[in-house]
């Protein structure tokens, strides 16, 4: 099964997450299929927290159409994008 989830990067107490498509059995920071974007919860401006390029938006829609399951956190991030 393929999942869309967050992969943690950054420093201690200052996380920056990559939004990735990966196999559900791989570990959190393990092998990925495709990097979709970046989520930075440390920025307080809601519009600049999520960075996804136009090409990757199409890729994200393709993965969702194929059947990739987003995690709860990714669902809330996608809702922020729609607003």
PDB file of N, CA and C in Angstrom:
ATOM      1  N   UNK A   1       0.833  -1.165   0.000  1.00  0.00           N
ATOM      2  CA  UNK A   1       0.000   0.000   0.000  1.00  0.00           C
ATOM      3  C   UNK A   1       0.892   1.247   0.000  1.00  0.00           C
ATOM      4  N   UNK A   2       0.481   2.245  -0.731  1.00  0.00           N
ATOM      5  CA  UNK A   2       1.231   3.490  -0.843  1.00  0.00           C
ATOM      6  C   UNK A   2       0.568   4.555   0.020  1.00  0.00           C
ATOM      7  N   UNK A   3       1.386   5.322   0.757  1.00  0.00           N
ATOM      8  CA  UNK A   3       0.873   6.383   1.624  1.00  0.00           C
ATOM      9  C   UNK A   3       1.536   7.707   1.285  1.00  0.00           C
ATOM     10  N   UNK A   4       0.793   8.774   1.517  1.00  0.00           N
ATOM     11  CA  UNK A   4       1.338  10.121   1.431  1.00  0.00           C
ATOM     12  C   UNK A   4       1.503  10.579   2.873  1.00  0.00           C
ATOM     13  N   UNK A   5       2.736  10.871   3.268  1.00  0.00           N
ATOM     14  CA  UNK A   5       2.999  11.188   4.665  1.00  0.00           C
ATOM     15  C   UNK A   5       4.153  12.169   4.797  1.00  0.00           C
ATOM     16  N   UNK A   6       4.493  12.510   6.044  1.00  0.00           N
ATOM     17  CA  UNK A   6       5.564  13.448   6.327  1.00  0.00           C
ATOM     18  C   UNK A   6       6.862  12.716   6.652  1.00  0.00           C
ATOM     19  N   UNK A   7       7.961  13.285   6.200  1.00  0.00           N
ATOM     20  CA  UNK A   7       9.285  12.764   6.502  1.00  0.00           C
ATOM     21  C   UNK A   7      10.047  13.864   7.248  1.00  0.00           C
ATOM     22  N   UNK A   8      10.493  13.591   8.461  1.00  0.00           N
ATOM     23  CA  UNK A   8      11.075  14.627   9.317  1.00  0.00           C
ATOM     24  C   UNK A   8      12.508  14.952   8.926  1.00  0.00           C
ATOM     25  N   UNK A   9      12.781  16.251   8.853  1.00  0.00           N
ATOM     26  CA  UNK A   9      14.123  16.783   8.628  1.00  0.00           C
ATOM     27  C   UNK A   9      14.292  17.969   9.559  1.00  0.00           C
ATOM     28  N   UNK A  10      15.435  18.598   9.535  1.00  0.00           N
ATOM     29  CA  UNK A  10      15.660  19.786  10.344  1.00  0.00           C
ATOM     30  C   UNK A  10      16.452  19.484  11.596  1.00  0.00           C
ATOM     31  N   UNK A  11      16.544  20.518  12.443  1.00  0.00           N
ATOM     32  CA  UNK A  11      17.327  20.409  13.671  1.00  0.00           C
ATOM     33  C   UNK A  11      16.469  19.933  14.828  1.00  0.00           C
ATOM     34  N   UNK A  12      17.134  19.698  15.943  1.00  0.00           N
ATOM     35  CA  UNK A  12      16.457  19.335  17.173  1.00  0.00           C
ATOM     36  C   UNK A  12      15.584  20.513  17.608  1.00  0.00           C
ATOM     37  N   UNK A  13      14.335  20.249  17.928  1.00  0.00           N
ATOM     38  CA  UNK A  13      13.342  21.249  18.337  1.00  0.00           C
ATOM     39  C   UNK A  13      12.985  22.234  17.224  1.00  0.00           C
ATOM     40  N   UNK A  14      13.383  21.976  15.972  1.00  0.00           N
ATOM     41  CA  UNK A  14      13.047  22.844  14.843  1.00  0.00           C
ATOM     42  C   UNK A  14      12.804  21.954  13.614  1.00  0.00           C
ATOM     43  N   UNK A  15      11.708  21.203  13.626  1.00  0.00           N
ATOM     44  CA  UNK A  15      11.485  20.265  12.527  1.00  0.00           C
ATOM     45  C   UNK A  15      11.005  20.946  11.254  1.00  0.00           C
ATOM     46  N   UNK A  16      11.389  20.383  10.139  1.00  0.00           N
ATOM     47  CA  UNK A  16      10.884  20.740   8.819  1.00  0.00           C
ATOM     48  C   UNK A  16      10.539  19.412   8.169  1.00  0.00           C
ATOM     49  N   UNK A  17       9.352  19.310   7.600  1.00  0.00           N
ATOM     50  CA  UNK A  17       8.883  18.037   7.061  1.00  0.00           C
ATOM     51  C   UNK A  17       8.810  18.075   5.544  1.00  0.00           C
ATOM     52  N   UNK A  18       9.188  16.972   4.910  1.00  0.00           N
ATOM     53  CA  UNK A  18       8.974  16.795   3.484  1.00  0.00           C
ATOM     54  C   UNK A  18       7.700  15.986   3.307  1.00  0.00           C
ATOM     55  N   UNK A  19       6.856  16.400   2.378  1.00  0.00           N
ATOM     56  CA  UNK A  19       5.650  15.641   2.050  1.00  0.00           C
ATOM     57  C   UNK A  19       6.067  14.645   0.971  1.00  0.00           C
ATOM     58  N   UNK A  20       5.952  13.351   1.287  1.00  0.00           N
ATOM     59  CA  UNK A  20       6.465  12.319   0.390  1.00  0.00           C
ATOM     60  C   UNK A  20       5.426  11.230   0.132  1.00  0.00           C
ATOM     61  N   UNK A  21       5.628  10.538  -0.971  1.00  0.00           N
ATOM     62  CA  UNK A  21       4.862   9.337  -1.291  1.00  0.00           C
ATOM     63  C   UNK A  21       5.799   8.169  -1.037  1.00  0.00           C
ATOM     64  N   UNK A  22       5.367   7.229  -0.189  1.00  0.00           N
ATOM     65  CA  UNK A  22       6.229   6.093   0.131  1.00  0.00           C
ATOM     66  C   UNK A  22       5.407   4.850   0.406  1.00  0.00           C
ATOM     67  N   UNK A  23       6.095   3.733   0.464  1.00  0.00           N
ATOM     68  CA  UNK A  23       5.464   2.475   0.811  1.00  0.00           C
ATOM     69  C   UNK A  23       5.098   2.514   2.289  1.00  0.00           C
ATOM     70  N   UNK A  24       3.937   2.007   2.643  1.00  0.00           N
ATOM     71  CA  UNK A  24       3.479   2.079   4.028  1.00  0.00           C
ATOM     72  C   UNK A  24       4.344   1.247   4.971  1.00  0.00           C
ATOM     73  N   UNK A  25       5.077   0.266   4.454  1.00  0.00           N
ATOM     74  CA  UNK A  25       5.892  -0.597   5.303  1.00  0.00           C
ATOM     75  C   UNK A  25       7.279  -0.016   5.556  1.00  0.00           C
ATOM     76  N   UNK A  26       7.680   1.008   4.810  1.00  0.00           N
ATOM     77  CA  UNK A  26       9.001   1.597   5.023  1.00  0.00           C
ATOM     78  C   UNK A  26       8.968   2.518   6.237  1.00  0.00           C
ATOM     79  N   UNK A  27      10.101   2.685   6.937  1.00  0.00           N
ATOM     80  CA  UNK A  27      10.120   3.546   8.127  1.00  0.00           C
ATOM     81  C   UNK A  27       9.920   5.019   7.769  1.00  0.00           C
ATOM     82  N   UNK A  28       9.707   5.843   8.795  1.00  0.00           N
ATOM     83  CA  UNK A  28       9.380   7.256   8.599  1.00  0.00           C
ATOM     84  C   UNK A  28      10.402   7.974   7.724  1.00  0.00           C
ATOM     85  N   UNK A  29      11.667   7.769   7.971  1.00  0.00           N
ATOM     86  CA  UNK A  29      12.707   8.421   7.186  1.00  0.00           C
ATOM     87  C   UNK A  29      13.382   7.444   6.223  1.00  0.00           C
ATOM     88  N   UNK A  30      12.636   6.427   5.805  1.00  0.00           N
ATOM     89  CA  UNK A  30      13.180   5.416   4.910  1.00  0.00           C
ATOM     90  C   UNK A  30      13.056   5.797   3.446  1.00  0.00           C
ATOM     91  N   UNK A  31      13.065   4.779   2.607  1.00  0.00           N
ATOM     92  CA  UNK A  31      13.025   4.958   1.163  1.00  0.00           C
ATOM     93  C   UNK A  31      11.691   5.583   0.738  1.00  0.00           C
ATOM     94  N   UNK A  32      11.765   6.546  -0.185  1.00  0.00           N
ATOM     95  CA  UNK A  32      10.548   7.195  -0.675  1.00  0.00           C
ATOM     96  C   UNK A  32      10.400   6.959  -2.168  1.00  0.00           C
ATOM     97  N   UNK A  33       9.179   7.134  -2.665  1.00  0.00           N
ATOM     98  CA  UNK A  33       8.907   7.011  -4.087  1.00  0.00           C
ATOM     99  C   UNK A  33       9.034   8.373  -4.766  1.00  0.00           C
ATOM    100  N   UNK A  34       8.419   9.398  -4.158  1.00  0.00           N
ATOM    101  CA  UNK A  34       8.418  10.733  -4.750  1.00  0.00           C
ATOM    102  C   UNK A  34       8.302  11.780  -3.659  1.00  0.00           C
ATOM    103  N   UNK A  35       9.093  12.855  -3.756  1.00  0.00           N
ATOM    104  CA  UNK A  35       8.969  13.992  -2.847  1.00  0.00           C
ATOM    105  C   UNK A  35       8.013  14.990  -3.485  1.00  0.00           C
ATOM    106  N   UNK A  36       6.941  15.333  -2.765  1.00  0.00           N
ATOM    107  CA  UNK A  36       5.897  16.203  -3.295  1.00  0.00           C
ATOM    108  C   UNK A  36       6.109  17.657  -2.891  1.00  0.00           C
ATOM    109  N   UNK A  37       6.455  17.913  -1.631  1.00  0.00           N
ATOM    110  CA  UNK A  37       6.592  19.287  -1.172  1.00  0.00           C
ATOM    111  C   UNK A  37       7.223  19.373   0.199  1.00  0.00           C
ATOM    112  N   UNK A  38       7.124  20.568   0.798  1.00  0.00           N
ATOM    113  CA  UNK A  38       7.710  20.832   2.104  1.00  0.00           C
ATOM    114  C   UNK A  38       6.658  21.468   3.002  1.00  0.00           C
ATOM    115  N   UNK A  39       6.650  21.061   4.276  1.00  0.00           N
ATOM    116  CA  UNK A  39       5.778  21.644   5.291  1.00  0.00           C
ATOM    117  C   UNK A  39       6.653  22.117   6.434  1.00  0.00           C
ATOM    118  N   UNK A  40       6.592  23.431   6.727  1.00  0.00           N
ATOM    119  CA  UNK A  40       7.392  24.007   7.804  1.00  0.00           C
ATOM    120  C   UNK A  40       6.454  24.560   8.865  1.00  0.00           C
ATOM    121  N   UNK A  41       6.233  23.857   9.981  1.00  0.00           N
ATOM    122  CA  UNK A  41       5.330  24.326  11.025  1.00  0.00           C
ATOM    123  C   UNK A  41       5.899  25.468  11.855  1.00  0.00           C
ATOM    124  N   UNK A  42       7.158  25.827  11.657  1.00  0.00           N
ATOM    125  CA  UNK A  42       7.805  26.881  12.448  1.00  0.00           C
ATOM    126  C   UNK A  42       7.487  28.285  11.939  1.00  0.00           C
ATOM    127  N   UNK A  43       6.971  28.398  10.721  1.00  0.00           N
ATOM    128  CA  UNK A  43       6.599  29.695  10.159  1.00  0.00           C
ATOM    129  C   UNK A  43       5.164  29.981  10.572  1.00  0.00           C
ATOM    130  N   UNK A  44       4.916  31.159  11.106  1.00  0.00           N
ATOM    131  CA  UNK A  44       3.585  31.475  11.608  1.00  0.00           C
ATOM    132  C   UNK A  44       2.661  32.038  10.534  1.00  0.00           C
ATOM    133  N   UNK A  45       3.193  32.382   9.359  1.00  0.00           N
ATOM    134  CA  UNK A  45       2.370  32.816   8.239  1.00  0.00           C
ATOM    135  C   UNK A  45       1.803  31.576   7.560  1.00  0.00           C
ATOM    136  N   UNK A  46       0.498  31.374   7.657  1.00  0.00           N
ATOM    137  CA  UNK A  46      -0.143  30.140   7.168  1.00  0.00           C
ATOM    138  C   UNK A  46       0.067  29.919   5.673  1.00  0.00           C
ATOM    139  N   UNK A  47       0.217  30.998   4.897  1.00  0.00           N
ATOM    140  CA  UNK A  47       0.358  30.835   3.450  1.00  0.00           C
ATOM    141  C   UNK A  47       1.745  30.341   3.059  1.00  0.00           C
ATOM    142  N   UNK A  48       2.750  30.575   3.912  1.00  0.00           N
ATOM    143  CA  UNK A  48       4.116  30.175   3.586  1.00  0.00           C
ATOM    144  C   UNK A  48       4.533  28.870   4.246  1.00  0.00           C
ATOM    145  N   UNK A  49       3.654  28.247   5.012  1.00  0.00           N
ATOM    146  CA  UNK A  49       3.994  26.999   5.699  1.00  0.00           C
ATOM    147  C   UNK A  49       4.154  25.834   4.739  1.00  0.00           C
ATOM    148  N   UNK A  50       3.350  25.814   3.680  1.00  0.00           N
ATOM    149  CA  UNK A  50       3.302  24.674   2.774  1.00  0.00           C
ATOM    150  C   UNK A  50       3.828  25.096   1.409  1.00  0.00           C
ATOM    151  N   UNK A  51       4.826  24.375   0.908  1.00  0.00           N
ATOM    152  CA  UNK A  51       5.415  24.691  -0.382  1.00  0.00           C
ATOM    153  C   UNK A  51       5.277  23.469  -1.284  1.00  0.00           C
ATOM    154  N   UNK A  52       4.445  23.597  -2.329  1.00  0.00           N
ATOM    155  CA  UNK A  52       4.296  22.533  -3.320  1.00  0.00           C
ATOM    156  C   UNK A  52       4.344  23.190  -4.696  1.00  0.00           C
ATOM    157  N   UNK A  53       5.255  22.737  -5.554  1.00  0.00           N
ATOM    158  CA  UNK A  53       5.377  23.293  -6.898  1.00  0.00           C
ATOM    159  C   UNK A  53       4.204  22.835  -7.768  1.00  0.00           C
ATOM    160  N   UNK A  54       3.928  23.595  -8.840  1.00  0.00           N
ATOM    161  CA  UNK A  54       2.786  23.303  -9.716  1.00  0.00           C
ATOM    162  C   UNK A  54       2.867  21.902 -10.310  1.00  0.00           C
ATOM    163  N   UNK A  55       4.056  21.493 -10.728  1.00  0.00           N
ATOM    164  CA  UNK A  55       4.218  20.154 -11.305  1.00  0.00           C
ATOM    165  C   UNK A  55       3.887  19.074 -10.288  1.00  0.00           C
ATOM    166  N   UNK A  56       4.254  19.319  -9.041  1.00  0.00           N
ATOM    167  CA  UNK A  56       4.022  18.328  -7.997  1.00  0.00           C
ATOM    168  C   UNK A  56       2.565  18.279  -7.552  1.00  0.00           C
ATOM    169  N   UNK A  57       1.802  19.344  -7.783  1.00  0.00           N
ATOM    170  CA  UNK A  57       0.362  19.307  -7.490  1.00  0.00           C
ATOM    171  C   UNK A  57      -0.308  18.283  -8.403  1.00  0.00           C
ATOM    172  N   UNK A  58       0.083  18.279  -9.677  1.00  0.00           N
ATOM    173  CA  UNK A  58      -0.442  17.283 -10.616  1.00  0.00           C
ATOM    174  C   UNK A  58      -0.046  15.877 -10.183  1.00  0.00           C
ATOM    175  N   UNK A  59       1.193  15.754  -9.742  1.00  0.00           N
ATOM    176  CA  UNK A  59       1.702  14.458  -9.267  1.00  0.00           C
ATOM    177  C   UNK A  59       0.926  13.988  -8.037  1.00  0.00           C
ATOM    178  N   UNK A  60       0.629  14.914  -7.127  1.00  0.00           N
ATOM    179  CA  UNK A  60      -0.132  14.594  -5.924  1.00  0.00           C
ATOM    180  C   UNK A  60      -1.533  14.122  -6.284  1.00  0.00           C
ATOM    181  N   UNK A  61      -2.190  14.822  -7.200  1.00  0.00           N
ATOM    182  CA  UNK A  61      -3.528  14.423  -7.642  1.00  0.00           C
ATOM    183  C   UNK A  61      -3.499  13.047  -8.300  1.00  0.00           C
ATOM    184  N   UNK A  62      -2.428  12.777  -9.062  1.00  0.00           N
ATOM    185  CA  UNK A  62      -2.288  11.470  -9.707  1.00  0.00           C
ATOM    186  C   UNK A  62      -2.190  10.361  -8.666  1.00  0.00           C
ATOM    187  N   UNK A  63      -1.374  10.579  -7.631  1.00  0.00           N
ATOM    188  CA  UNK A  63      -1.215   9.567  -6.591  1.00  0.00           C
ATOM    189  C   UNK A  63      -2.507   9.352  -5.817  1.00  0.00           C
ATOM    190  N   UNK A  64      -3.245  10.426  -5.554  1.00  0.00           N
ATOM    191  CA  UNK A  64      -4.522  10.278  -4.853  1.00  0.00           C
ATOM    192  C   UNK A  64      -5.530   9.514  -5.711  1.00  0.00           C
ATOM    193  N   UNK A  65      -5.512   9.763  -7.014  1.00  0.00           N
ATOM    194  CA  UNK A  65      -6.419   9.073  -7.930  1.00  0.00           C
ATOM    195  C   UNK A  65      -6.083   7.586  -8.038  1.00  0.00           C
ATOM    196  N   UNK A  66      -4.791   7.262  -7.976  1.00  0.00           N
ATOM    197  CA  UNK A  66      -4.343   5.876  -8.070  1.00  0.00           C
ATOM    198  C   UNK A  66      -4.709   5.089  -6.817  1.00  0.00           C
ATOM    199  N   UNK A  67      -4.828   5.794  -5.670  1.00  0.00           N
ATOM    200  CA  UNK A  67      -5.236   5.105  -4.456  1.00  0.00           C
ATOM    201  C   UNK A  67      -4.299   5.263  -3.283  1.00  0.00           C
ATOM    202  N   UNK A  68      -3.371   6.206  -3.363  1.00  0.00           N
ATOM    203  CA  UNK A  68      -2.474   6.452  -2.227  1.00  0.00           C
ATOM    204  C   UNK A  68      -3.277   7.048  -1.076  1.00  0.00           C
ATOM    205  N   UNK A  69      -3.042   6.544   0.117  1.00  0.00           N
ATOM    206  CA  UNK A  69      -3.789   6.983   1.298  1.00  0.00           C
ATOM    207  C   UNK A  69      -3.013   8.071   2.041  1.00  0.00           C
ATOM    208  N   UNK A  70      -3.578   9.279   2.171  1.00  0.00           N
ATOM    209  CA  UNK A  70      -2.902  10.308   2.970  1.00  0.00           C
ATOM    210  C   UNK A  70      -3.121  10.064   4.458  1.00  0.00           C
ATOM    211  N   UNK A  71      -2.144  10.438   5.276  1.00  0.00           N
ATOM    212  CA  UNK A  71      -2.287  10.327   6.722  1.00  0.00           C
ATOM    213  C   UNK A  71      -3.200  11.449   7.216  1.00  0.00           C
ATOM    214  N   UNK A  72      -3.573  11.411   8.487  1.00  0.00           N
ATOM    215  CA  UNK A  72      -4.449  12.441   9.052  1.00  0.00           C
ATOM    216  C   UNK A  72      -3.828  13.826   8.933  1.00  0.00           C
ATOM    217  N   UNK A  73      -2.540  13.914   9.207  1.00  0.00           N
ATOM    218  CA  UNK A  73      -1.849  15.200   9.137  1.00  0.00           C
ATOM    219  C   UNK A  73      -1.841  15.741   7.718  1.00  0.00           C
ATOM    220  N   UNK A  74      -1.603  14.887   6.763  1.00  0.00           N
ATOM    221  CA  UNK A  74      -1.589  15.314   5.362  1.00  0.00           C
ATOM    222  C   UNK A  74      -2.987  15.766   4.945  1.00  0.00           C
ATOM    223  N   UNK A  75      -4.025  15.097   5.427  1.00  0.00           N
ATOM    224  CA  UNK A  75      -5.391  15.528   5.111  1.00  0.00           C
ATOM    225  C   UNK A  75      -5.647  16.954   5.592  1.00  0.00           C
ATOM    226  N   UNK A  76      -5.185  17.276   6.819  1.00  0.00           N
ATOM    227  CA  UNK A  76      -5.396  18.632   7.323  1.00  0.00           C
ATOM    228  C   UNK A  76      -4.561  19.650   6.554  1.00  0.00           C
ATOM    229  N   UNK A  77      -3.376  19.253   6.129  1.00  0.00           N
ATOM    230  CA  UNK A  77      -2.531  20.155   5.323  1.00  0.00           C
ATOM    231  C   UNK A  77      -3.190  20.421   3.972  1.00  0.00           C
ATOM    232  N   UNK A  78      -3.773  19.387   3.355  1.00  0.00           N
ATOM    233  CA  UNK A  78      -4.458  19.564   2.078  1.00  0.00           C
ATOM    234  C   UNK A  78      -5.688  20.443   2.231  1.00  0.00           C
ATOM    235  N   UNK A  79      -6.369  20.352   3.365  1.00  0.00           N
ATOM    236  CA  UNK A  79      -7.509  21.231   3.618  1.00  0.00           C
ATOM    237  C   UNK A  79      -7.060  22.684   3.721  1.00  0.00           C
ATOM    238  N   UNK A  80      -5.883  22.930   4.327  1.00  0.00           N
ATOM    239  CA  UNK A  80      -5.344  24.290   4.399  1.00  0.00           C
ATOM    240  C   UNK A  80      -5.056  24.836   3.013  1.00  0.00           C
ATOM    241  N   UNK A  81      -4.587  23.971   2.109  1.00  0.00           N
ATOM    242  CA  UNK A  81      -4.296  24.392   0.741  1.00  0.00           C
ATOM    243  C   UNK A  81      -5.568  24.795  -0.003  1.00  0.00           C
ATOM    244  N   UNK A  82      -6.653  24.099   0.250  1.00  0.00           N
ATOM    245  CA  UNK A  82      -7.905  24.381  -0.452  1.00  0.00           C
ATOM    246  C   UNK A  82      -8.544  25.673   0.003  1.00  0.00           C
ATOM    247  N   UNK A  83      -8.251  26.131   1.216  1.00  0.00           N
ATOM    248  CA  UNK A  83      -8.854  27.367   1.724  1.00  0.00           C
ATOM    249  C   UNK A  83      -8.137  28.587   1.282  1.00  0.00           C
TER     250      UNK A  83
END
